[in-house]
Amino acid sequence: MPQLYNVTAPRKATNLSLNSDLLAKARDLKVNLSATLEQALNDKLKSIEAEKWKTDNKAAIQVYNEFVQNNGCLGDEYREF
C-alpha cells in the first residue's frame, strides 16, 4: 500500500497543547512523543482514507454485491475449498 504522505519530507517543529498529566507520565516512561504522534497521525489518515474510499466506491460495491448475490462469485466453478 502506498504511503499517505512523503516519509522523506523534512521534519518541522510545532507547538502542541497536551494534558499536563498525560505529558508528564509519557515523559516519565521515556515515550518518544514525535514518533508516537507520527504513528497516531498516520493511523488516523489511514482510517479517514479508508472511510473516504468506502464512500467513493459505495455504489460500485453495492452493484458488485448484488451481482454476487444473484450470480455467485466470479470463478466459483474453479474453487477447490
PDB file of N, CA and C in Angstrom:
ATOM      1  N   MET A   1       0.850  -1.181   0.000  1.00  0.00           N
ATOM      2  CA  MET A   1       0.000   0.000   0.000  1.00  0.00           C
ATOM      3  C   MET A   1       0.891   1.238   0.000  1.00  0.00           C
ATOM      4  N   PRO A   2       0.617   2.190  -0.871  1.00  0.00           N
ATOM      5  CA  PRO A   2       1.451   3.393  -0.907  1.00  0.00           C
ATOM      6  C   PRO A   2       1.275   4.233   0.359  1.00  0.00           C
ATOM      7  N   GLN A   3       2.335   4.931   0.693  1.00  0.00           N
ATOM      8  CA  GLN A   3       2.281   5.820   1.857  1.00  0.00           C
ATOM      9  C   GLN A   3       1.297   6.958   1.587  1.00  0.00           C
ATOM     10  N   LEU A   4       0.668   7.449   2.632  1.00  0.00           N
ATOM     11  CA  LEU A   4      -0.279   8.554   2.511  1.00  0.00           C
ATOM     12  C   LEU A   4       0.413   9.906   2.561  1.00  0.00           C
ATOM     13  N   TYR A   5       1.702   9.885   2.841  1.00  0.00           N
ATOM     14  CA  TYR A   5       2.457  11.131   2.930  1.00  0.00           C
ATOM     15  C   TYR A   5       3.906  10.823   2.572  1.00  0.00           C
ATOM     16  N   ASN A   6       4.672  11.857   2.329  1.00  0.00           N
ATOM     17  CA  ASN A   6       6.080  11.712   1.961  1.00  0.00           C
ATOM     18  C   ASN A   6       6.896  11.439   3.228  1.00  0.00           C
ATOM     19  N   VAL A   7       7.330  10.199   3.399  1.00  0.00           N
ATOM     20  CA  VAL A   7       8.056   9.819   4.609  1.00  0.00           C
ATOM     21  C   VAL A   7       9.467  10.406   4.646  1.00  0.00           C
ATOM     22  N   THR A   8       9.948  10.921   3.523  1.00  0.00           N
ATOM     23  CA  THR A   8      11.285  11.517   3.489  1.00  0.00           C
ATOM     24  C   THR A   8      11.252  13.038   3.617  1.00  0.00           C
ATOM     25  N   ALA A   9      10.070  13.606   3.766  1.00  0.00           N
ATOM     26  CA  ALA A   9       9.960  15.059   3.922  1.00  0.00           C
ATOM     27  C   ALA A   9      10.691  15.487   5.199  1.00  0.00           C
ATOM     28  N   PRO A  10      11.260  16.685   5.192  1.00  0.00           N
ATOM     29  CA  PRO A  10      11.978  17.139   6.396  1.00  0.00           C
ATOM     30  C   PRO A  10      11.016  17.325   7.568  1.00  0.00           C
ATOM     31  N   ARG A  11      11.564  17.196   8.751  1.00  0.00           N
ATOM     32  CA  ARG A  11      10.775  17.396   9.966  1.00  0.00           C
ATOM     33  C   ARG A  11      10.568  18.884  10.194  1.00  0.00           C
ATOM     34  N   LYS A  12       9.461  19.200  10.839  1.00  0.00           N
ATOM     35  CA  LYS A  12       9.142  20.595  11.143  1.00  0.00           C
ATOM     36  C   LYS A  12       8.719  20.681  12.603  1.00  0.00           C
ATOM     37  N   ALA A  13       9.341  21.574  13.322  1.00  0.00           N
ATOM     38  CA  ALA A  13       8.984  21.788  14.728  1.00  0.00           C
ATOM     39  C   ALA A  13       7.575  22.379  14.796  1.00  0.00           C
ATOM     40  N   THR A  14       6.845  21.991  15.842  1.00  0.00           N
ATOM     41  CA  THR A  14       5.492  22.506  16.028  1.00  0.00           C
ATOM     42  C   THR A  14       5.185  22.607  17.510  1.00  0.00           C
ATOM     43  N   ASN A  15       4.225  23.405  17.841  1.00  0.00           N
ATOM     44  CA  ASN A  15       3.790  23.543  19.233  1.00  0.00           C
ATOM     45  C   ASN A  15       2.456  22.833  19.402  1.00  0.00           C
ATOM     46  N   LEU A  16       2.318  22.105  20.474  1.00  0.00           N
ATOM     47  CA  LEU A  16       1.081  21.397  20.782  1.00  0.00           C
ATOM     48  C   LEU A  16       0.670  21.694  22.207  1.00  0.00           C
ATOM     49  N   SER A  17      -0.607  21.593  22.442  1.00  0.00           N
ATOM     50  CA  SER A  17      -1.118  21.675  23.812  1.00  0.00           C
ATOM     51  C   SER A  17      -1.604  20.290  24.198  1.00  0.00           C
ATOM     52  N   LEU A  18      -1.074  19.764  25.301  1.00  0.00           N
ATOM     53  CA  LEU A  18      -1.431  18.434  25.774  1.00  0.00           C
ATOM     54  C   LEU A  18      -1.825  18.494  27.232  1.00  0.00           C
ATOM     55  N   ASN A  19      -2.578  17.513  27.645  1.00  0.00           N
ATOM     56  CA  ASN A  19      -2.903  17.368  29.053  1.00  0.00           C
ATOM     57  C   ASN A  19      -1.581  17.229  29.810  1.00  0.00           C
ATOM     58  N   SER A  20      -1.372  18.061  30.814  1.00  0.00           N
ATOM     59  CA  SER A  20      -0.084  18.098  31.506  1.00  0.00           C
ATOM     60  C   SER A  20       0.239  16.788  32.222  1.00  0.00           C
ATOM     61  N   ASP A  21      -0.762  16.132  32.784  1.00  0.00           N
ATOM     62  CA  ASP A  21      -0.515  14.862  33.471  1.00  0.00           C
ATOM     63  C   ASP A  21      -0.146  13.772  32.462  1.00  0.00           C
ATOM     64  N   LEU A  22      -0.846  13.751  31.341  1.00  0.00           N
ATOM     65  CA  LEU A  22      -0.540  12.786  30.283  1.00  0.00           C
ATOM     66  C   LEU A  22       0.888  12.989  29.784  1.00  0.00           C
ATOM     67  N   LEU A  23       1.270  14.233  29.570  1.00  0.00           N
ATOM     68  CA  LEU A  23       2.619  14.541  29.106  1.00  0.00           C
ATOM     69  C   LEU A  23       3.662  14.112  30.135  1.00  0.00           C
ATOM     70  N   ALA A  24       3.414  14.398  31.399  1.00  0.00           N
ATOM     71  CA  ALA A  24       4.366  14.028  32.450  1.00  0.00           C
ATOM     72  C   ALA A  24       4.541  12.515  32.527  1.00  0.00           C
ATOM     73  N   LYS A  25       3.443  11.774  32.446  1.00  0.00           N
ATOM     74  CA  LYS A  25       3.523  10.311  32.502  1.00  0.00           C
ATOM     75  C   LYS A  25       4.274   9.761  31.287  1.00  0.00           C
ATOM     76  N   ALA A  26       4.012  10.324  30.117  1.00  0.00           N
ATOM     77  CA  ALA A  26       4.711   9.880  28.907  1.00  0.00           C
ATOM     78  C   ALA A  26       6.212  10.161  29.017  1.00  0.00           C
ATOM     79  N   ARG A  27       6.548  11.322  29.519  1.00  0.00           N
ATOM     80  CA  ARG A  27       7.975  11.653  29.680  1.00  0.00           C
ATOM     81  C   ARG A  27       8.634  10.745  30.717  1.00  0.00           C
ATOM     82  N   ASP A  28       7.936  10.471  31.819  1.00  0.00           N
ATOM     83  CA  ASP A  28       8.474   9.574  32.849  1.00  0.00           C
ATOM     84  C   ASP A  28       8.783   8.194  32.273  1.00  0.00           C
ATOM     85  N   LEU A  29       7.960   7.759  31.328  1.00  0.00           N
ATOM     86  CA  LEU A  29       8.137   6.446  30.709  1.00  0.00           C
ATOM     87  C   LEU A  29       9.016   6.503  29.461  1.00  0.00           C
ATOM     88  N   LYS A  30       9.600   7.672  29.212  1.00  0.00           N
ATOM     89  CA  LYS A  30      10.518   7.868  28.080  1.00  0.00           C
ATOM     90  C   LYS A  30       9.849   7.587  26.732  1.00  0.00           C
ATOM     91  N   VAL A  31       8.574   7.957  26.609  1.00  0.00           N
ATOM     92  CA  VAL A  31       7.855   7.786  25.349  1.00  0.00           C
ATOM     93  C   VAL A  31       8.384   8.821  24.357  1.00  0.00           C
ATOM     94  N   ASN A  32       8.701   8.365  23.150  1.00  0.00           N
ATOM     95  CA  ASN A  32       9.140   9.264  22.088  1.00  0.00           C
ATOM     96  C   ASN A  32       7.891   9.947  21.536  1.00  0.00           C
ATOM     97  N   LEU A  33       7.683  11.198  21.925  1.00  0.00           N
ATOM     98  CA  LEU A  33       6.462  11.903  21.561  1.00  0.00           C
ATOM     99  C   LEU A  33       6.335  12.105  20.057  1.00  0.00           C
ATOM    100  N   SER A  34       7.418  12.464  19.401  1.00  0.00           N
ATOM    101  CA  SER A  34       7.363  12.696  17.957  1.00  0.00           C
ATOM    102  C   SER A  34       6.979  11.431  17.207  1.00  0.00           C
ATOM    103  N   ALA A  35       7.635  10.334  17.529  1.00  0.00           N
ATOM    104  CA  ALA A  35       7.343   9.066  16.847  1.00  0.00           C
ATOM    105  C   ALA A  35       5.924   8.607  17.151  1.00  0.00           C
ATOM    106  N   THR A  36       5.496   8.778  18.398  1.00  0.00           N
ATOM    107  CA  THR A  36       4.151   8.360  18.796  1.00  0.00           C
ATOM    108  C   THR A  36       3.092   9.175  18.063  1.00  0.00           C
ATOM    109  N   LEU A  37       3.292  10.485  17.981  1.00  0.00           N
ATOM    110  CA  LEU A  37       2.328  11.333  17.280  1.00  0.00           C
ATOM    111  C   LEU A  37       2.324  11.028  15.784  1.00  0.00           C
ATOM    112  N   GLU A  38       3.504  10.828  15.196  1.00  0.00           N
ATOM    113  CA  GLU A  38       3.553  10.485  13.773  1.00  0.00           C
ATOM    114  C   GLU A  38       2.775   9.201  13.499  1.00  0.00           C
ATOM    115  N   GLN A  39       2.956   8.195  14.340  1.00  0.00           N
ATOM    116  CA  GLN A  39       2.238   6.934  14.147  1.00  0.00           C
ATOM    117  C   GLN A  39       0.737   7.131  14.321  1.00  0.00           C
ATOM    118  N   ALA A  40       0.352   7.905  15.337  1.00  0.00           N
ATOM    119  CA  ALA A  40      -1.072   8.156  15.572  1.00  0.00           C
ATOM    120  C   ALA A  40      -1.690   8.917  14.403  1.00  0.00           C
ATOM    121  N   LEU A  41      -0.978   9.904  13.872  1.00  0.00           N
ATOM    122  CA  LEU A  41      -1.496  10.656  12.729  1.00  0.00           C
ATOM    123  C   LEU A  41      -1.572   9.778  11.485  1.00  0.00           C
ATOM    124  N   ASN A  42      -0.575   8.932  11.280  1.00  0.00           N
ATOM    125  CA  ASN A  42      -0.593   8.012  10.154  1.00  0.00           C
ATOM    126  C   ASN A  42      -1.799   7.071  10.253  1.00  0.00           C
ATOM    127  N   ASP A  43      -2.037   6.525  11.446  1.00  0.00           N
ATOM    128  CA  ASP A  43      -3.186   5.644  11.653  1.00  0.00           C
ATOM    129  C   ASP A  43      -4.494   6.379  11.390  1.00  0.00           C
ATOM    130  N   LYS A  44      -4.583   7.625  11.842  1.00  0.00           N
ATOM    131  CA  LYS A  44      -5.787   8.429  11.636  1.00  0.00           C
ATOM    132  C   LYS A  44      -5.996   8.694  10.152  1.00  0.00           C
ATOM    133  N   LEU A  45      -4.921   9.044   9.433  1.00  0.00           N
ATOM    134  CA  LEU A  45      -5.027   9.275   7.995  1.00  0.00           C
ATOM    135  C   LEU A  45      -5.501   8.023   7.265  1.00  0.00           C
ATOM    136  N   LYS A  46      -4.959   6.860   7.637  1.00  0.00           N
ATOM    137  CA  LYS A  46      -5.389   5.607   7.017  1.00  0.00           C
ATOM    138  C   LYS A  46      -6.877   5.373   7.241  1.00  0.00           C
ATOM    139  N   SER A  47      -7.328   5.619   8.457  1.00  0.00           N
ATOM    140  CA  SER A  47      -8.733   5.428   8.789  1.00  0.00           C
ATOM    141  C   SER A  47      -9.622   6.364   7.974  1.00  0.00           C
ATOM    142  N   ILE A  48      -9.240   7.617   7.885  1.00  0.00           N
ATOM    143  CA  ILE A  48     -10.018   8.594   7.122  1.00  0.00           C
ATOM    144  C   ILE A  48     -10.031   8.232   5.647  1.00  0.00           C
ATOM    145  N   GLU A  49      -8.866   7.852   5.103  1.00  0.00           N
ATOM    146  CA  GLU A  49      -8.781   7.472   3.689  1.00  0.00           C
ATOM    147  C   GLU A  49      -9.620   6.227   3.409  1.00  0.00           C
ATOM    148  N   ALA A  50      -9.625   5.260   4.319  1.00  0.00           N
ATOM    149  CA  ALA A  50     -10.427   4.051   4.132  1.00  0.00           C
ATOM    150  C   ALA A  50     -11.915   4.390   4.097  1.00  0.00           C
ATOM    151  N   GLU A  51     -12.347   5.255   5.005  1.00  0.00           N
ATOM    152  CA  GLU A  51     -13.755   5.670   5.013  1.00  0.00           C
ATOM    153  C   GLU A  51     -14.104   6.436   3.745  1.00  0.00           C
ATOM    154  N   LYS A  52     -13.188   7.292   3.302  1.00  0.00           N
ATOM    155  CA  LYS A  52     -13.409   8.049   2.058  1.00  0.00           C
ATOM    156  C   LYS A  52     -13.519   7.085   0.882  1.00  0.00           C
ATOM    157  N   TRP A  53     -12.653   6.067   0.836  1.00  0.00           N
ATOM    158  CA  TRP A  53     -12.697   5.086  -0.249  1.00  0.00           C
ATOM    159  C   TRP A  53     -14.036   4.358  -0.252  1.00  0.00           C
ATOM    160  N   LYS A  54     -14.493   3.958   0.941  1.00  0.00           N
ATOM    161  CA  LYS A  54     -15.777   3.262   1.031  1.00  0.00           C
ATOM    162  C   LYS A  54     -16.915   4.139   0.519  1.00  0.00           C
ATOM    163  N   THR A  55     -16.893   5.407   0.898  1.00  0.00           N
ATOM    164  CA  THR A  55     -17.934   6.344   0.455  1.00  0.00           C
ATOM    165  C   THR A  55     -17.864   6.538  -1.054  1.00  0.00           C
ATOM    166  N   ASP A  56     -16.654   6.763  -1.567  1.00  0.00           N
ATOM    167  CA  ASP A  56     -16.475   6.996  -3.003  1.00  0.00           C
ATOM    168  C   ASP A  56     -16.862   5.779  -3.835  1.00  0.00           C
ATOM    169  N   ASN A  57     -16.735   4.584  -3.282  1.00  0.00           N
ATOM    170  CA  ASN A  57     -16.985   3.352  -4.026  1.00  0.00           C
ATOM    171  C   ASN A  57     -18.253   2.619  -3.598  1.00  0.00           C
ATOM    172  N   LYS A  58     -19.086   3.289  -2.817  1.00  0.00           N
ATOM    173  CA  LYS A  58     -20.285   2.657  -2.272  1.00  0.00           C
ATOM    174  C   LYS A  58     -21.189   2.095  -3.367  1.00  0.00           C
ATOM    175  N   ALA A  59     -21.417   2.864  -4.419  1.00  0.00           N
ATOM    176  CA  ALA A  59     -22.310   2.410  -5.487  1.00  0.00           C
ATOM    177  C   ALA A  59     -21.745   1.175  -6.182  1.00  0.00           C
ATOM    178  N   ALA A  60     -20.460   1.175  -6.485  1.00  0.00           N
ATOM    179  CA  ALA A  60     -19.838   0.033  -7.155  1.00  0.00           C
ATOM    180  C   ALA A  60     -19.860  -1.201  -6.269  1.00  0.00           C
ATOM    181  N   ILE A  61     -19.617  -1.023  -4.996  1.00  0.00           N
ATOM    182  CA  ILE A  61     -19.641  -2.143  -4.052  1.00  0.00           C
ATOM    183  C   ILE A  61     -21.052  -2.740  -3.989  1.00  0.00           C
ATOM    184  N   GLN A  62     -22.055  -1.873  -3.969  1.00  0.00           N
ATOM    185  CA  GLN A  62     -23.435  -2.339  -3.914  1.00  0.00           C
ATOM    186  C   GLN A  62     -23.788  -3.124  -5.176  1.00  0.00           C
ATOM    187  N   VAL A  63     -23.386  -2.621  -6.338  1.00  0.00           N
ATOM    188  CA  VAL A  63     -23.655  -3.324  -7.594  1.00  0.00           C
ATOM    189  C   VAL A  63     -22.960  -4.679  -7.604  1.00  0.00           C
ATOM    190  N   TYR A  64     -21.699  -4.713  -7.161  1.00  0.00           N
ATOM    191  CA  TYR A  64     -20.964  -5.982  -7.118  1.00  0.00           C
ATOM    192  C   TYR A  64     -21.630  -6.969  -6.160  1.00  0.00           C
ATOM    193  N   ASN A  65     -22.009  -6.504  -4.985  1.00  0.00           N
ATOM    194  CA  ASN A  65     -22.669  -7.381  -4.011  1.00  0.00           C
ATOM    195  C   ASN A  65     -23.980  -7.944  -4.557  1.00  0.00           C
ATOM    196  N   GLU A  66     -24.734  -7.125  -5.276  1.00  0.00           N
ATOM    197  CA  GLU A  66     -25.968  -7.607  -5.885  1.00  0.00           C
ATOM    198  C   GLU A  66     -25.664  -8.660  -6.959  1.00  0.00           C
ATOM    199  N   PHE A  67     -24.620  -8.434  -7.744  1.00  0.00           N
ATOM    200  CA  PHE A  67     -24.217  -9.398  -8.762  1.00  0.00           C
ATOM    201  C   PHE A  67     -23.858 -10.736  -8.119  1.00  0.00           C
ATOM    202  N   VAL A  68     -23.051 -10.673  -7.053  1.00  0.00           N
ATOM    203  CA  VAL A  68     -22.634 -11.901  -6.367  1.00  0.00           C
ATOM    204  C   VAL A  68     -23.847 -12.610  -5.770  1.00  0.00           C
ATOM    205  N   GLN A  69     -24.752 -11.849  -5.204  1.00  0.00           N
ATOM    206  CA  GLN A  69     -25.949 -12.455  -4.613  1.00  0.00           C
ATOM    207  C   GLN A  69     -26.779 -13.180  -5.680  1.00  0.00           C
ATOM    208  N   ASN A  70     -26.858 -12.597  -6.852  1.00  0.00           N
ATOM    209  CA  ASN A  70     -27.663 -13.187  -7.923  1.00  0.00           C
ATOM    210  C   ASN A  70     -26.930 -14.253  -8.729  1.00  0.00           C
ATOM    211  N   ASN A  71     -25.600 -14.126  -8.853  1.00  0.00           N
ATOM    212  CA  ASN A  71     -24.851 -14.992  -9.765  1.00  0.00           C
ATOM    213  C   ASN A  71     -23.724 -15.775  -9.112  1.00  0.00           C
ATOM    214  N   GLY A  72     -23.428 -15.494  -7.867  1.00  0.00           N
ATOM    215  CA  GLY A  72     -22.272 -16.105  -7.218  1.00  0.00           C
ATOM    216  C   GLY A  72     -21.001 -15.344  -7.574  1.00  0.00           C
ATOM    217  N   CYS A  73     -19.922 -15.739  -6.946  1.00  0.00           N
ATOM    218  CA  CYS A  73     -18.633 -15.080  -7.195  1.00  0.00           C
ATOM    219  C   CYS A  73     -18.062 -15.520  -8.532  1.00  0.00           C
ATOM    220  N   LEU A  74     -17.374 -14.627  -9.184  1.00  0.00           N
ATOM    221  CA  LEU A  74     -16.670 -14.991 -10.401  1.00  0.00           C
ATOM    222  C   LEU A  74     -15.601 -16.011 -10.032  1.00  0.00           C
ATOM    223  N   GLY A  75     -15.523 -17.072 -10.785  1.00  0.00           N
ATOM    224  CA  GLY A  75     -14.514 -18.101 -10.521  1.00  0.00           C
ATOM    225  C   GLY A  75     -14.965 -19.154  -9.535  1.00  0.00           C
ATOM    226  N   ASP A  76     -16.202 -19.109  -9.063  1.00  0.00           N
ATOM    227  CA  ASP A  76     -16.680 -20.127  -8.111  1.00  0.00           C
ATOM    228  C   ASP A  76     -16.514 -21.550  -8.650  1.00  0.00           C
ATOM    229  N   GLU A  77     -16.665 -21.687  -9.961  1.00  0.00           N
ATOM    230  CA  GLU A  77     -16.589 -23.041 -10.536  1.00  0.00           C
ATOM    231  C   GLU A  77     -15.172 -23.633 -10.445  1.00  0.00           C
ATOM    232  N   TYR A  78     -14.188 -22.789 -10.175  1.00  0.00           N
ATOM    233  CA  TYR A  78     -12.797 -23.268 -10.079  1.00  0.00           C
ATOM    234  C   TYR A  78     -12.344 -23.457  -8.639  1.00  0.00           C
ATOM    235  N   ARG A  79     -13.177 -23.128  -7.692  1.00  0.00           N
ATOM    236  CA  ARG A  79     -12.811 -23.259  -6.264  1.00  0.00           C
ATOM    237  C   ARG A  79     -12.639 -24.709  -5.888  1.00  0.00           C
ATOM    238  N   GLU A  80     -11.641 -24.947  -5.047  1.00  0.00           N
ATOM    239  CA  GLU A  80     -11.425 -26.301  -4.534  1.00  0.00           C
ATOM    240  C   GLU A  80     -11.534 -26.346  -3.020  1.00  0.00           C
ATOM    241  N   PHE A  81     -12.090 -25.311  -2.416  1.00  0.00           N
ATOM    242  CA  PHE A  81     -12.242 -25.267  -0.955  1.00  0.00           C
ATOM    243  C   PHE A  81     -13.662 -24.915  -0.588  1.00  0.00           C
TER     244      PHE A  81
END
